[in-house]
């Protein structure tokens, strides 16, 4: 479905006085919440790499995504790539490592020299928010299950839509779990 189809479905099922922009904002919130809470481990296969220039004496860098989207962090040390481990506490005996703090990634030890693209963050891509200009585009959600978005918004606007939403969400989760389903059609 195109975004305009999702917006029209919502407006048909629950006539309200919401502007298309408001409905689109709610569709974005539902989409992002579903992907964050129920997205499959297979999403990690769709990672992107963001390279960051290291600066001498600078140990913190802004993240290009939420910390929960980071899958792997590599740093260039003396010409060799080294995978960093995540540590959330000061552990001087274990180096190098990275940590997250208020939207930044911190590195231990602090880089001693400038290195162009010396830090690689592999992360699950962040979908941009939907806008009114996206009405003739896809939603960024599984096109076979866009009705999950419709009922996800409807359940927030009016009572009586939660059961159908849960059913559609479970169908989507089953279809995207990463496990193949086999059915035995014959007996021995």
N, C-alpha and C. Protein backbone atom coordinates (compact mmCIF):
# COMPACT_ATOMS: atom_id res chain seq x y z
N UNK A 1 0.83 -1.19 0.00
CA UNK A 1 0.00 0.00 0.00
C UNK A 1 0.88 1.25 0.00
N UNK A 2 0.38 2.25 -0.64
CA UNK A 2 1.03 3.55 -0.57
C UNK A 2 0.58 4.24 0.72
N UNK A 3 1.34 5.21 1.14
CA UNK A 3 0.99 5.94 2.36
C UNK A 3 -0.41 6.55 2.26
N UNK A 4 -0.76 7.09 1.09
CA UNK A 4 -2.09 7.69 0.95
C UNK A 4 -3.19 6.65 1.14
N UNK A 5 -2.94 5.39 0.76
CA UNK A 5 -3.92 4.33 0.96
C UNK A 5 -4.10 4.03 2.45
N UNK A 6 -3.00 4.03 3.18
CA UNK A 6 -3.06 3.80 4.63
C UNK A 6 -3.85 4.93 5.29
N UNK A 7 -3.57 6.17 4.91
CA UNK A 7 -4.27 7.32 5.48
C UNK A 7 -5.76 7.26 5.14
N UNK A 8 -6.10 6.89 3.91
CA UNK A 8 -7.50 6.78 3.51
C UNK A 8 -8.23 5.68 4.28
N UNK A 9 -7.56 4.53 4.48
CA UNK A 9 -8.17 3.44 5.25
C UNK A 9 -8.50 3.90 6.67
N UNK A 10 -7.57 4.61 7.28
CA UNK A 10 -7.78 5.10 8.64
C UNK A 10 -8.96 6.08 8.67
N UNK A 11 -8.98 7.01 7.72
CA UNK A 11 -10.05 8.02 7.67
C UNK A 11 -11.41 7.38 7.39
N UNK A 12 -11.45 6.29 6.59
CA UNK A 12 -12.71 5.61 6.29
C UNK A 12 -13.27 4.87 7.51
N UNK A 13 -12.38 4.23 8.25
CA UNK A 13 -12.83 3.39 9.36
C UNK A 13 -13.19 4.19 10.60
N UNK A 14 -12.50 5.29 10.84
CA UNK A 14 -12.79 6.14 11.99
C UNK A 14 -12.79 7.58 11.50
N UNK A 15 -13.96 8.06 11.05
CA UNK A 15 -14.00 9.46 10.64
C UNK A 15 -13.64 10.35 11.84
N UNK A 16 -12.70 11.21 11.61
CA UNK A 16 -12.26 12.08 12.70
C UNK A 16 -11.86 13.42 12.10
N UNK A 17 -11.42 14.28 12.94
CA UNK A 17 -11.05 15.60 12.48
C UNK A 17 -9.54 15.77 12.45
N UNK A 18 -8.82 14.66 12.34
CA UNK A 18 -7.36 14.74 12.27
C UNK A 18 -6.92 15.15 10.88
N UNK A 19 -5.89 15.94 10.83
CA UNK A 19 -5.33 16.33 9.53
C UNK A 19 -4.53 15.16 8.98
N UNK A 20 -4.32 15.14 7.67
CA UNK A 20 -3.47 14.08 7.10
C UNK A 20 -2.07 14.07 7.75
N UNK A 21 -1.54 15.24 8.08
CA UNK A 21 -0.23 15.30 8.72
C UNK A 21 -0.25 14.59 10.07
N UNK A 22 -1.32 14.76 10.83
CA UNK A 22 -1.43 14.11 12.12
C UNK A 22 -1.53 12.60 11.97
N UNK A 23 -2.32 12.15 11.02
CA UNK A 23 -2.44 10.71 10.76
C UNK A 23 -1.10 10.14 10.33
N UNK A 24 -0.39 10.85 9.46
CA UNK A 24 0.93 10.39 9.00
C UNK A 24 1.91 10.30 10.17
N UNK A 25 1.85 11.26 11.06
CA UNK A 25 2.72 11.22 12.24
C UNK A 25 2.42 9.98 13.09
N UNK A 26 1.14 9.65 13.23
CA UNK A 26 0.76 8.47 14.00
C UNK A 26 1.19 7.18 13.29
N UNK A 27 1.10 7.15 11.97
CA UNK A 27 1.55 5.98 11.20
C UNK A 27 3.05 5.79 11.41
N UNK A 28 3.82 6.88 11.37
CA UNK A 28 5.26 6.79 11.60
C UNK A 28 5.55 6.25 12.99
N UNK A 29 4.82 6.73 14.00
CA UNK A 29 5.05 6.27 15.37
C UNK A 29 4.75 4.78 15.52
N UNK A 30 3.66 4.33 14.92
CA UNK A 30 3.29 2.91 15.00
C UNK A 30 4.32 2.06 14.27
N UNK A 31 4.71 2.47 13.06
CA UNK A 31 5.71 1.73 12.28
C UNK A 31 7.01 1.59 13.07
N UNK A 32 7.51 2.70 13.59
CA UNK A 32 8.78 2.67 14.30
C UNK A 32 8.70 1.85 15.59
N UNK A 33 7.57 1.94 16.29
CA UNK A 33 7.40 1.16 17.52
C UNK A 33 7.38 -0.33 17.22
N UNK A 34 6.67 -0.73 16.18
CA UNK A 34 6.59 -2.15 15.81
C UNK A 34 7.97 -2.67 15.42
N UNK A 35 8.68 -1.93 14.59
CA UNK A 35 10.00 -2.38 14.16
C UNK A 35 10.98 -2.44 15.32
N UNK A 36 10.88 -1.50 16.24
CA UNK A 36 11.79 -1.47 17.38
C UNK A 36 11.48 -2.62 18.35
N UNK A 37 10.20 -2.84 18.64
CA UNK A 37 9.83 -3.83 19.63
C UNK A 37 9.77 -5.26 19.09
N UNK A 38 9.35 -5.40 17.84
CA UNK A 38 9.10 -6.74 17.33
C UNK A 38 9.92 -7.09 16.10
N UNK A 39 10.81 -6.19 15.68
CA UNK A 39 11.62 -6.46 14.50
C UNK A 39 12.44 -7.72 14.70
N UNK A 40 12.63 -8.45 13.63
CA UNK A 40 13.32 -9.72 13.72
C UNK A 40 14.83 -9.54 13.79
N UNK A 41 15.50 -10.58 14.20
CA UNK A 41 16.96 -10.58 14.22
C UNK A 41 17.50 -10.49 12.80
N UNK A 42 16.69 -10.84 11.82
CA UNK A 42 17.14 -10.76 10.44
C UNK A 42 17.38 -9.32 9.99
N UNK A 43 16.81 -8.35 10.74
CA UNK A 43 17.07 -6.96 10.39
C UNK A 43 18.54 -6.63 10.50
N UNK A 44 19.27 -7.35 11.35
CA UNK A 44 20.69 -7.09 11.49
C UNK A 44 21.44 -7.40 10.21
N UNK A 45 20.88 -8.25 9.37
CA UNK A 45 21.52 -8.55 8.09
C UNK A 45 21.44 -7.35 7.15
N UNK A 46 20.60 -6.40 7.46
CA UNK A 46 20.42 -5.22 6.62
C UNK A 46 21.18 -4.02 7.18
N UNK A 47 22.29 -4.27 7.86
CA UNK A 47 23.01 -3.18 8.48
C UNK A 47 23.70 -2.30 7.45
N UNK A 48 23.92 -1.07 7.85
CA UNK A 48 24.70 -0.13 7.05
C UNK A 48 25.91 0.26 7.88
N UNK A 49 26.93 0.75 7.20
CA UNK A 49 28.15 1.15 7.87
C UNK A 49 28.30 2.66 7.78
N UNK A 50 28.51 3.28 8.92
CA UNK A 50 28.79 4.71 8.96
C UNK A 50 30.23 4.88 9.44
N UNK A 51 31.04 5.54 8.62
CA UNK A 51 32.43 5.79 8.98
C UNK A 51 32.56 7.16 9.62
N UNK A 52 33.33 7.24 10.69
CA UNK A 52 33.53 8.48 11.43
C UNK A 52 35.03 8.77 11.50
N UNK A 53 35.39 10.03 11.26
CA UNK A 53 36.80 10.44 11.38
C UNK A 53 37.17 10.57 12.84
N UNK A 54 38.27 9.94 13.22
CA UNK A 54 38.77 10.05 14.59
C UNK A 54 39.63 11.30 14.72
N UNK A 55 39.50 11.97 15.83
CA UNK A 55 40.28 13.18 16.13
C UNK A 55 41.14 12.92 17.36
N UNK A 56 42.39 13.32 17.29
CA UNK A 56 43.30 13.15 18.42
C UNK A 56 42.75 13.86 19.65
N UNK A 57 42.71 13.15 20.78
CA UNK A 57 42.24 13.74 22.02
C UNK A 57 40.74 13.78 22.19
N UNK A 58 39.98 13.36 21.19
CA UNK A 58 38.51 13.35 21.28
C UNK A 58 38.04 11.92 21.49
N UNK A 59 37.36 11.68 22.60
CA UNK A 59 36.93 10.32 22.90
C UNK A 59 35.43 10.08 22.71
N UNK A 60 34.65 11.11 22.38
CA UNK A 60 33.21 10.94 22.18
C UNK A 60 32.78 11.49 20.83
N UNK A 61 31.86 10.76 20.17
CA UNK A 61 31.37 11.11 18.84
C UNK A 61 29.86 10.91 18.81
N UNK A 62 29.17 11.78 18.08
CA UNK A 62 27.71 11.67 17.97
C UNK A 62 27.34 10.42 17.20
N UNK A 63 26.28 9.75 17.65
CA UNK A 63 25.78 8.55 17.00
C UNK A 63 24.90 8.90 15.81
N UNK A 64 24.98 8.13 14.72
CA UNK A 64 24.11 8.36 13.56
C UNK A 64 22.76 7.66 13.70
N UNK A 65 22.55 6.98 14.84
CA UNK A 65 21.34 6.20 15.05
C UNK A 65 21.15 6.01 16.56
N UNK A 66 20.01 5.46 16.98
CA UNK A 66 19.88 5.14 18.39
C UNK A 66 20.90 4.07 18.79
N UNK A 67 21.34 4.11 20.04
CA UNK A 67 22.36 3.16 20.51
C UNK A 67 21.91 1.71 20.33
N UNK A 68 20.63 1.46 20.47
CA UNK A 68 20.11 0.10 20.31
C UNK A 68 20.22 -0.45 18.91
N UNK A 69 20.45 0.40 17.93
CA UNK A 69 20.58 -0.05 16.54
C UNK A 69 22.00 -0.47 16.21
N UNK A 70 22.97 -0.14 17.05
CA UNK A 70 24.37 -0.46 16.76
C UNK A 70 24.58 -1.96 16.92
N UNK A 71 25.16 -2.58 15.89
CA UNK A 71 25.40 -4.01 15.86
C UNK A 71 26.87 -4.33 16.11
N UNK A 72 27.76 -3.50 15.57
CA UNK A 72 29.19 -3.77 15.67
C UNK A 72 29.95 -2.46 15.55
N UNK A 73 31.10 -2.37 16.24
CA UNK A 73 31.94 -1.18 16.19
C UNK A 73 33.38 -1.64 15.96
N UNK A 74 34.01 -1.09 14.91
CA UNK A 74 35.40 -1.39 14.59
C UNK A 74 36.20 -0.10 14.57
N UNK A 75 37.48 -0.20 14.97
CA UNK A 75 38.36 0.96 14.99
C UNK A 75 39.67 0.58 14.30
N UNK A 76 40.26 1.55 13.61
CA UNK A 76 41.53 1.35 12.92
C UNK A 76 42.65 1.72 13.89
N UNK A 77 43.44 0.72 14.27
CA UNK A 77 44.56 0.92 15.18
C UNK A 77 45.83 0.43 14.50
N UNK A 78 46.77 1.33 14.28
CA UNK A 78 48.06 0.99 13.64
C UNK A 78 47.87 0.23 12.34
N UNK A 79 46.91 0.64 11.53
CA UNK A 79 46.69 0.05 10.21
C UNK A 79 45.86 -1.22 10.21
N UNK A 80 45.45 -1.70 11.37
CA UNK A 80 44.63 -2.91 11.45
C UNK A 80 43.28 -2.60 12.07
N UNK A 81 42.23 -3.24 11.54
CA UNK A 81 40.90 -3.06 12.09
C UNK A 81 40.73 -3.96 13.31
N UNK A 82 40.20 -3.38 14.36
CA UNK A 82 40.00 -4.08 15.63
C UNK A 82 38.53 -3.94 16.03
N UNK A 83 37.88 -5.05 16.32
CA UNK A 83 36.49 -5.02 16.78
C UNK A 83 36.49 -4.62 18.25
N UNK A 84 35.66 -3.63 18.58
CA UNK A 84 35.56 -3.16 19.96
C UNK A 84 34.43 -3.88 20.68
N UNK A 85 34.59 -4.02 21.97
CA UNK A 85 33.53 -4.60 22.79
C UNK A 85 32.81 -3.48 23.53
N UNK A 86 31.57 -3.72 23.87
CA UNK A 86 30.76 -2.75 24.60
C UNK A 86 30.97 -2.93 26.09
N UNK A 87 31.33 -1.85 26.75
CA UNK A 87 31.46 -1.83 28.20
C UNK A 87 30.75 -0.57 28.68
N UNK A 88 30.02 -0.67 29.74
CA UNK A 88 29.32 0.50 30.25
C UNK A 88 29.96 1.07 31.51
N UNK A 89 31.05 0.49 31.95
CA UNK A 89 31.71 0.98 33.15
C UNK A 89 33.20 1.15 32.87
N UNK A 90 33.85 1.97 33.66
CA UNK A 90 35.27 2.22 33.50
C UNK A 90 36.04 0.95 33.84
N UNK A 91 36.62 0.34 32.81
CA UNK A 91 37.37 -0.89 33.01
C UNK A 91 38.74 -0.72 32.35
N UNK A 92 39.66 -0.12 33.09
CA UNK A 92 40.98 0.17 32.53
C UNK A 92 41.75 -1.08 32.13
N UNK A 93 41.41 -2.22 32.73
CA UNK A 93 42.16 -3.43 32.42
C UNK A 93 41.76 -4.02 31.07
N UNK A 94 40.62 -3.64 30.55
CA UNK A 94 40.13 -4.18 29.28
C UNK A 94 40.09 -3.04 28.26
N UNK A 95 41.02 -3.04 27.34
CA UNK A 95 41.06 -2.00 26.31
C UNK A 95 41.32 -2.65 24.97
N UNK A 96 40.89 -2.10 23.90
CA UNK A 96 39.98 -0.96 23.77
C UNK A 96 38.53 -1.40 23.91
N UNK A 97 37.66 -0.44 24.20
CA UNK A 97 36.24 -0.71 24.26
C UNK A 97 35.47 0.58 23.94
N UNK A 98 34.16 0.43 23.79
CA UNK A 98 33.30 1.59 23.58
C UNK A 98 32.16 1.56 24.58
N UNK A 99 31.54 2.72 24.75
CA UNK A 99 30.38 2.84 25.63
C UNK A 99 29.43 3.87 25.04
N UNK A 100 28.18 3.84 25.51
CA UNK A 100 27.19 4.82 25.07
C UNK A 100 26.85 5.73 26.23
N UNK A 101 26.66 7.01 25.90
CA UNK A 101 26.26 7.98 26.92
C UNK A 101 25.54 9.14 26.25
N UNK A 102 24.27 9.29 26.52
CA UNK A 102 23.47 10.43 26.07
C UNK A 102 23.64 10.75 24.59
N UNK A 103 23.44 9.76 23.72
CA UNK A 103 23.48 10.00 22.29
C UNK A 103 24.85 10.05 21.66
N UNK A 104 25.88 9.68 22.42
CA UNK A 104 27.23 9.66 21.86
C UNK A 104 27.84 8.28 22.12
N UNK A 105 28.85 7.97 21.33
CA UNK A 105 29.65 6.78 21.56
C UNK A 105 31.00 7.24 22.08
N UNK A 106 31.44 6.63 23.16
CA UNK A 106 32.72 6.97 23.75
C UNK A 106 33.73 5.87 23.49
N UNK A 107 34.99 6.25 23.32
CA UNK A 107 36.05 5.29 23.04
C UNK A 107 37.09 5.30 24.15
N UNK A 108 37.52 4.11 24.54
CA UNK A 108 38.60 3.96 25.51
C UNK A 108 39.61 3.01 24.90
N UNK A 109 40.84 3.39 24.76
CA UNK A 109 41.44 4.66 25.15
C UNK A 109 41.10 5.77 24.15
N UNK A 110 41.37 7.00 24.54
CA UNK A 110 41.14 8.15 23.68
C UNK A 110 42.12 8.10 22.51
N UNK A 111 41.62 8.30 21.27
CA UNK A 111 42.52 8.29 20.11
C UNK A 111 43.65 9.32 20.28
N UNK A 112 44.85 8.91 19.88
CA UNK A 112 46.02 9.78 20.02
C UNK A 112 46.38 10.49 18.73
N UNK A 113 45.74 10.11 17.63
CA UNK A 113 46.03 10.75 16.34
C UNK A 113 44.76 10.83 15.51
N UNK A 114 44.76 11.74 14.53
CA UNK A 114 43.65 11.85 13.60
C UNK A 114 43.70 10.68 12.63
N UNK A 115 42.55 10.05 12.40
CA UNK A 115 42.45 8.94 11.45
C UNK A 115 41.19 9.14 10.64
N UNK A 116 41.35 9.39 9.34
CA UNK A 116 40.20 9.56 8.46
C UNK A 116 39.44 8.25 8.37
N UNK A 117 38.16 8.30 8.66
CA UNK A 117 37.27 7.13 8.66
C UNK A 117 37.85 6.01 9.51
N UNK A 118 38.36 6.35 10.65
CA UNK A 118 39.00 5.38 11.53
C UNK A 118 38.05 4.64 12.46
N UNK A 119 36.78 5.02 12.46
CA UNK A 119 35.79 4.34 13.28
C UNK A 119 34.63 3.94 12.38
N UNK A 120 34.28 2.66 12.43
CA UNK A 120 33.15 2.17 11.64
C UNK A 120 32.06 1.69 12.58
N UNK A 121 30.87 2.25 12.41
CA UNK A 121 29.70 1.81 13.16
C UNK A 121 28.78 1.05 12.21
N UNK A 122 28.52 -0.19 12.50
CA UNK A 122 27.58 -0.98 11.73
C UNK A 122 26.27 -0.96 12.50
N UNK A 123 25.22 -0.50 11.84
CA UNK A 123 23.95 -0.32 12.54
C UNK A 123 22.76 -0.60 11.64
N UNK A 124 21.66 -0.91 12.28
CA UNK A 124 20.40 -1.08 11.57
C UNK A 124 19.95 0.29 11.12
N UNK A 125 19.59 0.44 9.84
CA UNK A 125 19.21 1.77 9.36
C UNK A 125 17.99 2.32 10.08
N UNK A 126 17.95 3.62 10.17
CA UNK A 126 16.83 4.33 10.78
C UNK A 126 15.95 4.86 9.65
N UNK A 127 14.69 4.48 9.67
CA UNK A 127 13.77 4.97 8.65
C UNK A 127 13.44 6.43 8.93
N UNK A 128 13.43 7.26 7.90
CA UNK A 128 13.06 8.66 8.14
C UNK A 128 11.56 8.77 8.42
N UNK A 129 11.16 9.80 9.15
CA UNK A 129 9.73 10.00 9.41
C UNK A 129 8.97 10.23 8.10
N UNK A 130 7.76 9.71 8.04
CA UNK A 130 6.92 9.93 6.87
C UNK A 130 6.40 11.36 6.89
N UNK A 131 6.23 11.93 5.71
CA UNK A 131 5.72 13.29 5.58
C UNK A 131 4.61 13.31 4.54
N UNK A 132 3.96 14.44 4.43
CA UNK A 132 2.89 14.61 3.45
C UNK A 132 3.42 14.43 2.02
N UNK A 133 4.71 14.71 1.82
CA UNK A 133 5.32 14.53 0.49
C UNK A 133 5.48 13.07 0.12
N UNK A 134 5.34 12.17 1.10
CA UNK A 134 5.50 10.73 0.87
C UNK A 134 4.19 10.02 0.54
N UNK A 135 3.13 10.76 0.31
CA UNK A 135 1.81 10.14 0.10
C UNK A 135 1.80 9.13 -1.05
N UNK A 136 2.61 9.32 -2.07
CA UNK A 136 2.63 8.40 -3.21
C UNK A 136 3.79 7.41 -3.13
N UNK A 137 4.31 7.22 -1.91
CA UNK A 137 5.40 6.27 -1.68
C UNK A 137 4.96 5.20 -0.70
N UNK A 138 5.79 4.17 -0.60
CA UNK A 138 5.52 3.09 0.35
C UNK A 138 5.79 3.59 1.78
N UNK A 139 5.29 2.87 2.76
CA UNK A 139 5.39 3.29 4.15
C UNK A 139 6.73 2.95 4.80
N UNK A 140 7.49 2.05 4.19
CA UNK A 140 8.73 1.60 4.81
C UNK A 140 8.52 0.36 5.66
N UNK A 141 7.28 -0.10 5.73
CA UNK A 141 6.92 -1.31 6.46
C UNK A 141 6.71 -2.41 5.44
N UNK A 142 6.59 -3.63 5.90
CA UNK A 142 6.35 -4.77 5.01
C UNK A 142 5.09 -4.51 4.19
N UNK A 143 5.21 -4.41 2.85
CA UNK A 143 4.05 -4.06 2.03
C UNK A 143 2.92 -5.09 2.08
N UNK A 144 3.22 -6.32 2.47
CA UNK A 144 2.18 -7.34 2.59
C UNK A 144 1.36 -7.19 3.87
N UNK A 145 1.85 -6.36 4.79
CA UNK A 145 1.20 -6.23 6.10
C UNK A 145 0.97 -4.78 6.49
N UNK A 146 0.73 -3.90 5.54
CA UNK A 146 0.48 -2.50 5.87
C UNK A 146 -0.79 -2.30 6.69
N UNK A 147 -1.70 -3.27 6.66
CA UNK A 147 -2.90 -3.14 7.48
C UNK A 147 -2.56 -3.17 8.98
N UNK A 148 -1.39 -3.71 9.34
CA UNK A 148 -0.94 -3.65 10.73
C UNK A 148 -0.79 -2.19 11.14
N UNK A 149 -0.28 -1.36 10.22
CA UNK A 149 -0.15 0.07 10.51
C UNK A 149 -1.52 0.72 10.65
N UNK A 150 -2.44 0.36 9.76
CA UNK A 150 -3.78 0.94 9.80
C UNK A 150 -4.42 0.64 11.15
N UNK A 151 -4.42 -0.62 11.55
CA UNK A 151 -5.09 -0.98 12.81
C UNK A 151 -4.27 -0.56 14.02
N UNK A 152 -2.97 -0.40 13.86
CA UNK A 152 -2.15 0.13 14.95
C UNK A 152 -2.52 1.56 15.28
N UNK A 153 -2.84 2.35 14.25
CA UNK A 153 -3.29 3.73 14.48
C UNK A 153 -4.74 3.73 14.97
N UNK A 154 -5.58 2.90 14.36
CA UNK A 154 -7.00 2.87 14.73
C UNK A 154 -7.20 2.51 16.20
N UNK A 155 -6.38 1.59 16.71
CA UNK A 155 -6.55 1.20 18.12
C UNK A 155 -6.22 2.33 19.07
N UNK A 156 -5.45 3.31 18.60
CA UNK A 156 -5.15 4.49 19.42
C UNK A 156 -6.25 5.55 19.32
N UNK A 157 -7.00 5.50 18.22
CA UNK A 157 -8.03 6.51 17.99
C UNK A 157 -9.41 6.13 18.50
N UNK A 158 -9.68 4.83 18.52
CA UNK A 158 -11.04 4.39 18.89
C UNK A 158 -10.98 3.00 19.50
N UNK A 159 -11.94 2.68 20.38
CA UNK A 159 -11.97 1.33 20.96
C UNK A 159 -12.45 0.31 19.93
N UNK A 160 -12.12 -0.95 20.19
CA UNK A 160 -12.64 -2.02 19.36
C UNK A 160 -11.71 -2.52 18.28
N UNK A 161 -10.54 -1.96 18.15
CA UNK A 161 -9.62 -2.37 17.09
C UNK A 161 -8.42 -3.17 17.60
N UNK A 162 -8.31 -3.33 18.91
CA UNK A 162 -7.11 -3.96 19.46
C UNK A 162 -7.00 -5.43 19.08
N UNK A 163 -8.10 -6.18 19.11
CA UNK A 163 -8.04 -7.62 18.80
C UNK A 163 -7.58 -7.86 17.37
N UNK A 164 -8.14 -7.12 16.42
CA UNK A 164 -7.73 -7.29 15.02
C UNK A 164 -6.27 -6.85 14.83
N UNK A 165 -5.87 -5.78 15.52
CA UNK A 165 -4.49 -5.34 15.46
C UNK A 165 -3.55 -6.43 15.97
N UNK A 166 -3.88 -7.02 17.12
CA UNK A 166 -3.03 -8.07 17.69
C UNK A 166 -2.93 -9.27 16.75
N UNK A 167 -4.04 -9.62 16.10
CA UNK A 167 -4.04 -10.75 15.16
C UNK A 167 -3.14 -10.45 13.96
N UNK A 168 -3.29 -9.25 13.40
CA UNK A 168 -2.46 -8.87 12.25
C UNK A 168 -0.98 -8.77 12.64
N UNK A 169 -0.72 -8.23 13.82
CA UNK A 169 0.65 -8.12 14.30
C UNK A 169 1.27 -9.51 14.47
N UNK A 170 0.52 -10.44 15.04
CA UNK A 170 1.02 -11.81 15.20
C UNK A 170 1.27 -12.47 13.85
N UNK A 171 0.39 -12.24 12.88
CA UNK A 171 0.61 -12.77 11.52
C UNK A 171 1.90 -12.22 10.93
N UNK A 172 2.12 -10.92 11.10
CA UNK A 172 3.35 -10.29 10.59
C UNK A 172 4.57 -10.86 11.29
N UNK A 173 4.50 -10.99 12.61
CA UNK A 173 5.63 -11.52 13.38
C UNK A 173 5.94 -12.95 12.96
N UNK A 174 4.93 -13.76 12.72
CA UNK A 174 5.14 -15.14 12.29
C UNK A 174 5.79 -15.17 10.91
N UNK A 175 5.30 -14.34 10.02
CA UNK A 175 5.85 -14.31 8.66
C UNK A 175 7.28 -13.77 8.61
N UNK A 176 7.66 -12.97 9.59
CA UNK A 176 8.98 -12.34 9.58
C UNK A 176 9.89 -12.84 10.70
N UNK A 177 9.60 -14.00 11.25
CA UNK A 177 10.39 -14.50 12.37
C UNK A 177 11.74 -15.03 11.93
N UNK A 178 11.90 -15.33 10.64
CA UNK A 178 13.16 -15.89 10.17
C UNK A 178 13.17 -17.40 10.17
N UNK A 179 12.15 -18.00 10.73
CA UNK A 179 12.06 -19.45 10.74
C UNK A 179 11.14 -19.90 9.61
N UNK A 180 11.61 -20.83 8.82
CA UNK A 180 10.77 -21.34 7.75
C UNK A 180 9.74 -22.30 8.33
N UNK A 181 8.59 -22.30 7.74
CA UNK A 181 7.52 -23.17 8.19
C UNK A 181 7.39 -24.35 7.21
N UNK A 182 7.33 -25.52 7.76
CA UNK A 182 7.16 -26.71 6.95
C UNK A 182 5.87 -27.41 7.37
N UNK A 183 5.15 -27.91 6.41
CA UNK A 183 3.93 -28.64 6.69
C UNK A 183 4.07 -30.02 6.09
N UNK A 184 3.74 -31.05 6.86
CA UNK A 184 3.76 -32.41 6.37
C UNK A 184 2.40 -32.69 5.77
N UNK A 185 2.39 -32.98 4.48
CA UNK A 185 1.12 -33.17 3.80
C UNK A 185 0.82 -34.66 3.58
N UNK A 186 1.80 -35.52 3.78
CA UNK A 186 1.58 -36.95 3.58
C UNK A 186 1.97 -37.71 4.83
N UNK A 187 1.35 -38.82 4.99
CA UNK A 187 1.74 -39.69 6.10
C UNK A 187 2.57 -40.82 5.53
N UNK A 188 3.31 -41.50 6.40
CA UNK A 188 4.17 -42.60 5.96
C UNK A 188 3.40 -43.71 5.39
